[in-house]
Structure formats: structure tokens, C-alpha cells
Amino acid sequence: MTTNDADIRQTARSLPIALLRARETVMGPYRDMLAKAGVSEQKWRILRVLIEGGPMEQTSIADGACLLLPSLTRILSSMEKEGLVTRATDTADRRKTIVTLAPAGTQVIAAYSAESRAITVQLELSFGKERLDTLLDLLEDLNMRIPDING
């Protein structure tokens, strides 16, 4: 071990690694569900953002679905071809595109929302609802403080 290695936290206690491991653990059952639904994780997140927020501008969707705008644009093209969403120029600001959930997108959410909820309930039972709520609060707090960490 070099002196620089001594400054690096052990992988088992590294926050980025711990978050990745937790994500993989949590996402496993959801991935199985999404495979049956025939949509990717990214498409599911976009559908969820639209069902919760209604028609919206692409930047808002990217933010809500944790996607980079160029990736979102590519995925939306695919989703539009699949009939899951529609896109139209914003009448108030022609530079913006408004995305709306199409009936087929609503059907995907409707068909798999009960299974998604069942997975969430199982996670709450396994980890504890109160602990899960605390974890979510802590992660939200961490996300709010990241600008402070970055200067």
C-alpha cells in the first residue's frame, strides 16, 4: 500500500460503491417486472414522471427521471415511435417541446403499478418502512447538500 492508498476509504465503506450496491439490490425485482412490461428502467422513470406530473417540458422530465437531456431526447424518440408518449411544440414558447403520456403509456403504468407497489411493500417489510423513510430523507438531504460539497 502506498501513502496515497492510505487516503482512500476502503471499498466496503465507500459511499459511491455502497450506493451502487444498494441500487443493484433494490432494482433486481423491478428489473424483472420491467422486462415483463417491455420497457427499460429509463422509460419506466419517464412514464412515472409523466403520470405524476402531467404533460411537461423535456428539461423537467430529464430532471425528474434523472436523465441527461441528450439521452432523454433519444429515449423519447423511441417512446414516441412505440406510442407511449406524444411530443408537441409548446404554443407559448416554440423553443420548447411538451411531452404527454399517450394512452399506451398510461396502459403500461396501469398494468404494472400493482406489481411495482407490491415490490415496494416487500422492500418496506424487509427493511422496515420507518428505516426506509429515514434513508430516503437522508439521501434527499445529501442531494440538497451536494452543491455545498462541490464548492
N, C-alpha and C. Protein backbone atom coordinates (compact mmCIF):
# COMPACT_ATOMS: atom_id res chain seq x y z
N MET A 1 0.85 -1.18 0.00
CA MET A 1 0.00 0.00 0.00
C MET A 1 0.89 1.23 0.00
N THR A 2 0.58 2.17 -0.90
CA THR A 2 1.33 3.41 -0.95
C THR A 2 0.67 4.43 -0.03
N THR A 3 1.32 5.53 0.21
CA THR A 3 0.73 6.54 1.09
C THR A 3 -0.56 7.11 0.50
N ASN A 4 -0.63 7.20 -0.83
CA ASN A 4 -1.87 7.69 -1.45
C ASN A 4 -3.02 6.71 -1.22
N ASP A 5 -2.72 5.41 -1.22
CA ASP A 5 -3.75 4.41 -0.97
C ASP A 5 -4.33 4.53 0.43
N ALA A 6 -3.51 4.97 1.38
CA ALA A 6 -3.98 5.11 2.76
C ALA A 6 -5.05 6.19 2.86
N ASP A 7 -5.04 7.14 1.93
CA ASP A 7 -6.02 8.22 1.95
C ASP A 7 -7.36 7.81 1.33
N ILE A 8 -7.39 6.67 0.67
CA ILE A 8 -8.61 6.22 0.01
C ILE A 8 -9.36 5.30 0.95
N ARG A 9 -10.64 5.61 1.14
CA ARG A 9 -11.50 4.80 2.01
C ARG A 9 -11.63 3.39 1.44
N GLN A 10 -11.71 2.40 2.30
CA GLN A 10 -11.91 1.02 1.88
C GLN A 10 -13.18 0.92 1.04
N THR A 11 -13.12 0.11 0.00
CA THR A 11 -14.24 -0.03 -0.92
C THR A 11 -15.54 -0.37 -0.19
N ALA A 12 -15.47 -1.23 0.79
CA ALA A 12 -16.67 -1.65 1.53
C ALA A 12 -17.33 -0.48 2.25
N ARG A 13 -16.57 0.59 2.53
CA ARG A 13 -17.12 1.75 3.23
C ARG A 13 -17.13 3.00 2.34
N SER A 14 -17.05 2.79 1.04
CA SER A 14 -17.08 3.90 0.08
C SER A 14 -18.54 4.22 -0.25
N LEU A 15 -18.94 5.47 -0.08
CA LEU A 15 -20.32 5.85 -0.35
C LEU A 15 -20.73 5.57 -1.79
N PRO A 16 -19.92 5.93 -2.79
CA PRO A 16 -20.34 5.63 -4.17
C PRO A 16 -20.55 4.13 -4.40
N ILE A 17 -19.67 3.30 -3.86
CA ILE A 17 -19.81 1.85 -4.03
C ILE A 17 -21.03 1.35 -3.26
N ALA A 18 -21.24 1.85 -2.06
CA ALA A 18 -22.39 1.43 -1.25
C ALA A 18 -23.70 1.80 -1.95
N LEU A 19 -23.74 2.99 -2.55
CA LEU A 19 -24.94 3.41 -3.27
C LEU A 19 -25.19 2.53 -4.49
N LEU A 20 -24.12 2.18 -5.21
CA LEU A 20 -24.26 1.29 -6.36
C LEU A 20 -24.76 -0.09 -5.95
N ARG A 21 -24.18 -0.62 -4.87
CA ARG A 21 -24.63 -1.93 -4.38
C ARG A 21 -26.09 -1.90 -3.97
N ALA A 22 -26.47 -0.85 -3.25
CA ALA A 22 -27.86 -0.72 -2.81
C ALA A 22 -28.79 -0.60 -4.02
N ARG A 23 -28.37 0.16 -5.01
CA ARG A 23 -29.19 0.31 -6.22
C ARG A 23 -29.40 -1.03 -6.90
N GLU A 24 -28.34 -1.81 -7.03
CA GLU A 24 -28.46 -3.11 -7.68
C GLU A 24 -29.37 -4.05 -6.88
N THR A 25 -29.25 -4.01 -5.56
CA THR A 25 -30.09 -4.84 -4.71
C THR A 25 -31.56 -4.46 -4.85
N VAL A 26 -31.83 -3.18 -4.80
CA VAL A 26 -33.21 -2.69 -4.87
C VAL A 26 -33.80 -2.91 -6.26
N MET A 27 -33.01 -2.68 -7.29
CA MET A 27 -33.54 -2.71 -8.66
C MET A 27 -33.80 -4.12 -9.20
N GLY A 28 -33.21 -5.15 -8.62
CA GLY A 28 -33.38 -6.51 -9.13
C GLY A 28 -34.82 -6.89 -9.40
N PRO A 29 -35.70 -6.84 -8.40
CA PRO A 29 -37.11 -7.21 -8.64
C PRO A 29 -37.81 -6.27 -9.62
N TYR A 30 -37.46 -5.00 -9.59
CA TYR A 30 -38.07 -4.05 -10.52
C TYR A 30 -37.65 -4.37 -11.96
N ARG A 31 -36.39 -4.76 -12.13
CA ARG A 31 -35.91 -5.11 -13.48
C ARG A 31 -36.69 -6.30 -14.05
N ASP A 32 -36.98 -7.27 -13.20
CA ASP A 32 -37.78 -8.42 -13.64
C ASP A 32 -39.15 -7.95 -14.11
N MET A 33 -39.77 -7.05 -13.36
CA MET A 33 -41.07 -6.52 -13.71
C MET A 33 -40.99 -5.73 -15.02
N LEU A 34 -39.96 -4.91 -15.15
CA LEU A 34 -39.82 -4.08 -16.35
C LEU A 34 -39.57 -4.93 -17.59
N ALA A 35 -38.87 -6.03 -17.42
CA ALA A 35 -38.66 -6.94 -18.55
C ALA A 35 -40.00 -7.48 -19.04
N LYS A 36 -40.88 -7.84 -18.11
CA LYS A 36 -42.22 -8.30 -18.50
C LYS A 36 -43.02 -7.19 -19.17
N ALA A 37 -42.82 -5.96 -18.68
CA ALA A 37 -43.54 -4.81 -19.23
C ALA A 37 -43.00 -4.41 -20.60
N GLY A 38 -41.76 -4.82 -20.89
CA GLY A 38 -41.15 -4.47 -22.16
C GLY A 38 -40.63 -3.05 -22.24
N VAL A 39 -40.31 -2.48 -21.07
CA VAL A 39 -39.74 -1.12 -21.04
C VAL A 39 -38.44 -1.13 -20.23
N SER A 40 -37.57 -0.23 -20.58
CA SER A 40 -36.31 -0.08 -19.85
C SER A 40 -36.55 0.70 -18.55
N GLU A 41 -35.55 0.68 -17.69
CA GLU A 41 -35.64 1.47 -16.45
C GLU A 41 -35.87 2.94 -16.77
N GLN A 42 -35.15 3.43 -17.77
CA GLN A 42 -35.26 4.84 -18.12
C GLN A 42 -36.67 5.17 -18.62
N LYS A 43 -37.23 4.30 -19.47
CA LYS A 43 -38.58 4.54 -19.97
C LYS A 43 -39.60 4.50 -18.84
N TRP A 44 -39.43 3.57 -17.92
CA TRP A 44 -40.34 3.48 -16.78
C TRP A 44 -40.29 4.76 -15.96
N ARG A 45 -39.07 5.27 -15.73
CA ARG A 45 -38.94 6.52 -14.95
C ARG A 45 -39.63 7.67 -15.68
N ILE A 46 -39.49 7.74 -16.98
CA ILE A 46 -40.15 8.79 -17.75
C ILE A 46 -41.66 8.66 -17.65
N LEU A 47 -42.17 7.44 -17.80
CA LEU A 47 -43.61 7.21 -17.66
C LEU A 47 -44.10 7.63 -16.28
N ARG A 48 -43.33 7.27 -15.25
CA ARG A 48 -43.70 7.64 -13.88
C ARG A 48 -43.74 9.16 -13.70
N VAL A 49 -42.73 9.85 -14.21
CA VAL A 49 -42.68 11.31 -14.09
C VAL A 49 -43.90 11.92 -14.77
N LEU A 50 -44.25 11.43 -15.95
CA LEU A 50 -45.39 11.98 -16.69
C LEU A 50 -46.72 11.64 -16.03
N ILE A 51 -46.86 10.44 -15.48
CA ILE A 51 -48.13 10.10 -14.84
C ILE A 51 -48.33 10.93 -13.56
N GLU A 52 -47.23 11.25 -12.89
CA GLU A 52 -47.31 12.06 -11.67
C GLU A 52 -47.47 13.55 -11.95
N GLY A 53 -46.84 14.03 -13.02
CA GLY A 53 -46.80 15.47 -13.25
C GLY A 53 -47.59 15.98 -14.43
N GLY A 54 -48.12 15.08 -15.25
CA GLY A 54 -48.85 15.50 -16.43
C GLY A 54 -47.90 15.97 -17.52
N PRO A 55 -48.46 16.51 -18.61
CA PRO A 55 -47.62 16.97 -19.71
C PRO A 55 -46.59 17.98 -19.22
N MET A 56 -45.37 17.83 -19.72
CA MET A 56 -44.32 18.75 -19.28
C MET A 56 -43.21 18.88 -20.29
N GLU A 57 -42.42 19.90 -20.08
CA GLU A 57 -41.28 20.22 -20.93
C GLU A 57 -40.17 19.22 -20.66
N GLN A 58 -39.37 18.95 -21.67
CA GLN A 58 -38.35 17.90 -21.61
C GLN A 58 -37.33 18.11 -20.49
N THR A 59 -36.95 19.34 -20.22
CA THR A 59 -35.97 19.60 -19.16
C THR A 59 -36.51 19.13 -17.81
N SER A 60 -37.78 19.36 -17.56
CA SER A 60 -38.40 18.91 -16.31
C SER A 60 -38.44 17.39 -16.22
N ILE A 61 -38.71 16.74 -17.35
CA ILE A 61 -38.72 15.28 -17.37
C ILE A 61 -37.33 14.75 -17.08
N ALA A 62 -36.32 15.32 -17.74
CA ALA A 62 -34.94 14.89 -17.53
C ALA A 62 -34.56 15.00 -16.06
N ASP A 63 -34.94 16.10 -15.44
CA ASP A 63 -34.64 16.29 -14.03
C ASP A 63 -35.37 15.26 -13.16
N GLY A 64 -36.64 15.08 -13.40
CA GLY A 64 -37.44 14.15 -12.60
C GLY A 64 -37.06 12.70 -12.80
N ALA A 65 -36.62 12.34 -14.00
CA ALA A 65 -36.27 10.96 -14.31
C ALA A 65 -34.77 10.68 -14.17
N CYS A 66 -34.02 11.67 -13.72
CA CYS A 66 -32.56 11.52 -13.53
C CYS A 66 -31.88 11.08 -14.83
N LEU A 67 -32.14 11.84 -15.88
CA LEU A 67 -31.55 11.55 -17.18
C LEU A 67 -30.91 12.82 -17.73
N LEU A 68 -29.84 12.63 -18.50
CA LEU A 68 -29.26 13.76 -19.21
C LEU A 68 -30.17 14.10 -20.39
N LEU A 69 -30.28 15.37 -20.71
CA LEU A 69 -31.18 15.81 -21.76
C LEU A 69 -30.93 15.13 -23.11
N PRO A 70 -29.66 14.97 -23.56
CA PRO A 70 -29.46 14.26 -24.83
C PRO A 70 -29.97 12.81 -24.80
N SER A 71 -29.78 12.13 -23.67
CA SER A 71 -30.29 10.76 -23.53
C SER A 71 -31.81 10.76 -23.55
N LEU A 72 -32.40 11.72 -22.85
CA LEU A 72 -33.86 11.80 -22.81
C LEU A 72 -34.42 11.99 -24.22
N THR A 73 -33.81 12.87 -24.99
CA THR A 73 -34.29 13.14 -26.35
C THR A 73 -34.28 11.87 -27.18
N ARG A 74 -33.22 11.09 -27.08
CA ARG A 74 -33.12 9.83 -27.82
C ARG A 74 -34.19 8.84 -27.35
N ILE A 75 -34.36 8.72 -26.04
CA ILE A 75 -35.33 7.78 -25.48
C ILE A 75 -36.76 8.20 -25.85
N LEU A 76 -37.02 9.50 -25.81
CA LEU A 76 -38.36 9.98 -26.17
C LEU A 76 -38.69 9.68 -27.63
N SER A 77 -37.70 9.75 -28.50
CA SER A 77 -37.94 9.39 -29.91
C SER A 77 -38.41 7.95 -30.01
N SER A 78 -37.75 7.08 -29.28
CA SER A 78 -38.13 5.66 -29.26
C SER A 78 -39.52 5.49 -28.65
N MET A 79 -39.78 6.18 -27.55
CA MET A 79 -41.07 6.06 -26.88
C MET A 79 -42.21 6.59 -27.76
N GLU A 80 -41.92 7.63 -28.52
CA GLU A 80 -42.93 8.18 -29.43
C GLU A 80 -43.25 7.18 -30.52
N LYS A 81 -42.23 6.53 -31.08
CA LYS A 81 -42.44 5.50 -32.10
C LYS A 81 -43.25 4.32 -31.55
N GLU A 82 -43.04 4.01 -30.28
CA GLU A 82 -43.76 2.91 -29.63
C GLU A 82 -45.16 3.31 -29.20
N GLY A 83 -45.50 4.58 -29.35
CA GLY A 83 -46.83 5.06 -28.98
C GLY A 83 -47.01 5.30 -27.49
N LEU A 84 -45.92 5.39 -26.73
CA LEU A 84 -46.01 5.59 -25.28
C LEU A 84 -46.18 7.06 -24.91
N VAL A 85 -45.64 7.96 -25.72
CA VAL A 85 -45.74 9.40 -25.46
C VAL A 85 -46.00 10.12 -26.78
N THR A 86 -46.43 11.36 -26.65
CA THR A 86 -46.52 12.26 -27.80
C THR A 86 -45.73 13.51 -27.45
N ARG A 87 -45.21 14.16 -28.51
CA ARG A 87 -44.48 15.40 -28.32
C ARG A 87 -45.08 16.47 -29.22
N ALA A 88 -45.13 17.69 -28.68
CA ALA A 88 -45.65 18.82 -29.46
C ALA A 88 -44.90 20.08 -29.05
N THR A 89 -44.78 21.00 -29.98
CA THR A 89 -44.15 22.28 -29.69
C THR A 89 -45.03 23.07 -28.74
N ASP A 90 -44.41 23.66 -27.73
CA ASP A 90 -45.12 24.50 -26.76
C ASP A 90 -45.66 25.73 -27.49
N THR A 91 -46.95 25.97 -27.39
CA THR A 91 -47.55 27.11 -28.09
C THR A 91 -47.08 28.44 -27.50
N ALA A 92 -46.74 28.46 -26.21
CA ALA A 92 -46.28 29.69 -25.57
C ALA A 92 -44.82 29.99 -25.88
N ASP A 93 -44.01 28.94 -26.07
CA ASP A 93 -42.58 29.12 -26.34
C ASP A 93 -42.17 28.05 -27.34
N ARG A 94 -42.10 28.42 -28.59
CA ARG A 94 -41.86 27.46 -29.67
C ARG A 94 -40.49 26.79 -29.58
N ARG A 95 -39.62 27.23 -28.69
CA ARG A 95 -38.32 26.58 -28.50
C ARG A 95 -38.45 25.33 -27.64
N LYS A 96 -39.56 25.19 -26.95
CA LYS A 96 -39.77 24.08 -26.02
C LYS A 96 -40.69 23.02 -26.63
N THR A 97 -40.45 21.79 -26.18
CA THR A 97 -41.30 20.66 -26.58
C THR A 97 -42.00 20.13 -25.35
N ILE A 98 -43.30 19.96 -25.46
CA ILE A 98 -44.10 19.41 -24.37
C ILE A 98 -44.37 17.93 -24.66
N VAL A 99 -44.09 17.11 -23.68
CA VAL A 99 -44.28 15.66 -23.80
C VAL A 99 -45.52 15.28 -23.00
N THR A 100 -46.35 14.46 -23.62
CA THR A 100 -47.59 13.99 -22.99
C THR A 100 -47.62 12.48 -23.02
N LEU A 101 -48.11 11.90 -21.95
CA LEU A 101 -48.28 10.45 -21.88
C LEU A 101 -49.40 10.04 -22.83
N ALA A 102 -49.12 9.10 -23.71
CA ALA A 102 -50.12 8.58 -24.64
C ALA A 102 -50.90 7.45 -23.94
N PRO A 103 -52.07 7.10 -24.48
CA PRO A 103 -52.84 6.01 -23.86
C PRO A 103 -52.04 4.73 -23.65
N ALA A 104 -51.17 4.36 -24.59
CA ALA A 104 -50.37 3.14 -24.42
C ALA A 104 -49.41 3.27 -23.23
N GLY A 105 -48.89 4.46 -23.00
CA GLY A 105 -48.02 4.69 -21.84
C GLY A 105 -48.79 4.58 -20.54
N THR A 106 -49.98 5.14 -20.54
CA THR A 106 -50.86 5.02 -19.36
C THR A 106 -51.19 3.56 -19.09
N GLN A 107 -51.40 2.78 -20.15
CA GLN A 107 -51.72 1.36 -20.00
C GLN A 107 -50.55 0.58 -19.40
N VAL A 108 -49.33 0.92 -19.79
CA VAL A 108 -48.15 0.24 -19.21
C VAL A 108 -48.10 0.50 -17.70
N ILE A 109 -48.28 1.75 -17.32
CA ILE A 109 -48.27 2.09 -15.89
C ILE A 109 -49.41 1.36 -15.17
N ALA A 110 -50.59 1.39 -15.74
CA ALA A 110 -51.75 0.74 -15.12
C ALA A 110 -51.54 -0.76 -14.98
N ALA A 111 -50.95 -1.37 -16.00
CA ALA A 111 -50.77 -2.83 -15.99
C ALA A 111 -49.74 -3.28 -14.97
N TYR A 112 -48.78 -2.42 -14.64
CA TYR A 112 -47.68 -2.85 -13.77
C TYR A 112 -47.57 -2.07 -12.47
N SER A 113 -48.48 -1.14 -12.22
CA SER A 113 -48.39 -0.36 -10.98
C SER A 113 -48.63 -1.22 -9.74
N ALA A 114 -49.53 -2.20 -9.82
CA ALA A 114 -49.78 -3.07 -8.66
C ALA A 114 -48.54 -3.91 -8.35
N GLU A 115 -47.90 -4.43 -9.39
CA GLU A 115 -46.69 -5.23 -9.17
C GLU A 115 -45.55 -4.35 -8.63
N SER A 116 -45.44 -3.14 -9.15
CA SER A 116 -44.43 -2.20 -8.66
C SER A 116 -44.68 -1.89 -7.18
N ARG A 117 -45.92 -1.66 -6.84
CA ARG A 117 -46.29 -1.37 -5.45
C ARG A 117 -46.00 -2.58 -4.55
N ALA A 118 -46.26 -3.78 -5.04
CA ALA A 118 -46.00 -5.00 -4.26
C ALA A 118 -44.50 -5.14 -3.98
N ILE A 119 -43.67 -4.80 -4.94
CA ILE A 119 -42.22 -4.85 -4.74
C ILE A 119 -41.82 -3.84 -3.68
N THR A 120 -42.41 -2.66 -3.76
CA THR A 120 -42.11 -1.62 -2.77
C THR A 120 -42.55 -2.05 -1.38
N VAL A 121 -43.71 -2.64 -1.28
CA VAL A 121 -44.20 -3.12 0.02
C VAL A 121 -43.27 -4.20 0.58
N GLN A 122 -42.80 -5.10 -0.28
CA GLN A 122 -41.87 -6.14 0.17
C GLN A 122 -40.57 -5.51 0.67
N LEU A 123 -40.10 -4.50 -0.01
CA LEU A 123 -38.91 -3.78 0.42
C LEU A 123 -39.14 -3.12 1.79
N GLU A 124 -40.31 -2.52 1.96
CA GLU A 124 -40.65 -1.90 3.25
C GLU A 124 -40.71 -2.95 4.36
N LEU A 125 -41.27 -4.12 4.05
CA LEU A 125 -41.36 -5.19 5.05
C LEU A 125 -39.97 -5.72 5.41
N SER A 126 -39.13 -5.87 4.41
CA SER A 126 -37.79 -6.41 4.63
C SER A 126 -36.88 -5.44 5.37
N PHE A 127 -36.93 -4.19 4.99
CA PHE A 127 -36.00 -3.20 5.54
C PHE A 127 -36.63 -2.41 6.68
N GLY A 128 -37.94 -2.31 6.66
CA GLY A 128 -38.66 -1.51 7.65
C GLY A 128 -39.09 -0.20 7.02
N LYS A 129 -40.39 0.09 7.09
CA LYS A 129 -40.91 1.30 6.47
C LYS A 129 -40.27 2.54 7.08
N GLU A 130 -40.17 2.56 8.39
CA GLU A 130 -39.58 3.73 9.06
C GLU A 130 -38.12 3.92 8.67
N ARG A 131 -37.37 2.81 8.62
CA ARG A 131 -35.97 2.90 8.22
C ARG A 131 -35.84 3.35 6.77
N LEU A 132 -36.74 2.86 5.91
CA LEU A 132 -36.72 3.25 4.51
C LEU A 132 -37.02 4.74 4.37
N ASP A 133 -38.02 5.22 5.11
CA ASP A 133 -38.34 6.65 5.09
C ASP A 133 -37.15 7.48 5.58
N THR A 134 -36.48 7.01 6.62
CA THR A 134 -35.30 7.71 7.12
C THR A 134 -34.19 7.73 6.08
N LEU A 135 -33.96 6.58 5.43
CA LEU A 135 -32.95 6.51 4.38
C LEU A 135 -33.28 7.48 3.25
N LEU A 136 -34.52 7.51 2.82
CA LEU A 136 -34.92 8.42 1.75
C LEU A 136 -34.73 9.88 2.16
N ASP A 137 -35.07 10.20 3.41
CA ASP A 137 -34.85 11.56 3.92
C ASP A 137 -33.36 11.92 3.93
N LEU A 138 -32.53 10.98 4.36
CA LEU A 138 -31.09 11.21 4.39
C LEU A 138 -30.52 11.40 2.98
N LEU A 139 -30.97 10.58 2.05
CA LEU A 139 -30.49 10.71 0.67
C LEU A 139 -30.95 12.03 0.05
N GLU A 140 -32.17 12.43 0.35
CA GLU A 140 -32.66 13.73 -0.14
C GLU A 140 -31.82 14.86 0.44
N ASP A 141 -31.52 14.77 1.73
CA ASP A 141 -30.68 15.77 2.38
C ASP A 141 -29.29 15.80 1.75
N LEU A 142 -28.72 14.62 1.48
CA LEU A 142 -27.41 14.54 0.83
C LEU A 142 -27.46 15.23 -0.53
N ASN A 143 -28.50 14.95 -1.30
CA ASN A 143 -28.63 15.58 -2.62
C ASN A 143 -28.75 17.09 -2.53
N MET A 144 -29.40 17.58 -1.51
CA MET A 144 -29.55 19.03 -1.33
C MET A 144 -28.22 19.68 -0.95
N ARG A 145 -27.34 18.93 -0.29
CA ARG A 145 -26.08 19.49 0.18
C ARG A 145 -24.93 19.32 -0.80
N ILE A 146 -25.09 18.54 -1.84
CA ILE A 146 -24.01 18.29 -2.80
C ILE A 146 -23.42 19.59 -3.35
N PRO A 147 -24.24 20.61 -3.70
CA PRO A 147 -23.61 21.86 -4.17
C PRO A 147 -22.62 22.43 -3.15
N ASP A 148 -22.94 22.27 -1.85
CA ASP A 148 -22.01 22.75 -0.81
C ASP A 148 -20.71 21.99 -0.85
N ILE A 149 -20.77 20.68 -1.10
CA ILE A 149 -19.57 19.84 -1.14
C ILE A 149 -18.71 20.21 -2.36
N ASN A 150 -19.36 20.51 -3.48
CA ASN A 150 -18.65 20.84 -4.72
C ASN A 150 -18.14 22.28 -4.76
N GLY A 151 -18.42 23.03 -3.73
CA GLY A 151 -17.89 24.39 -3.70
C GLY A 151 -18.95 25.34 -4.03
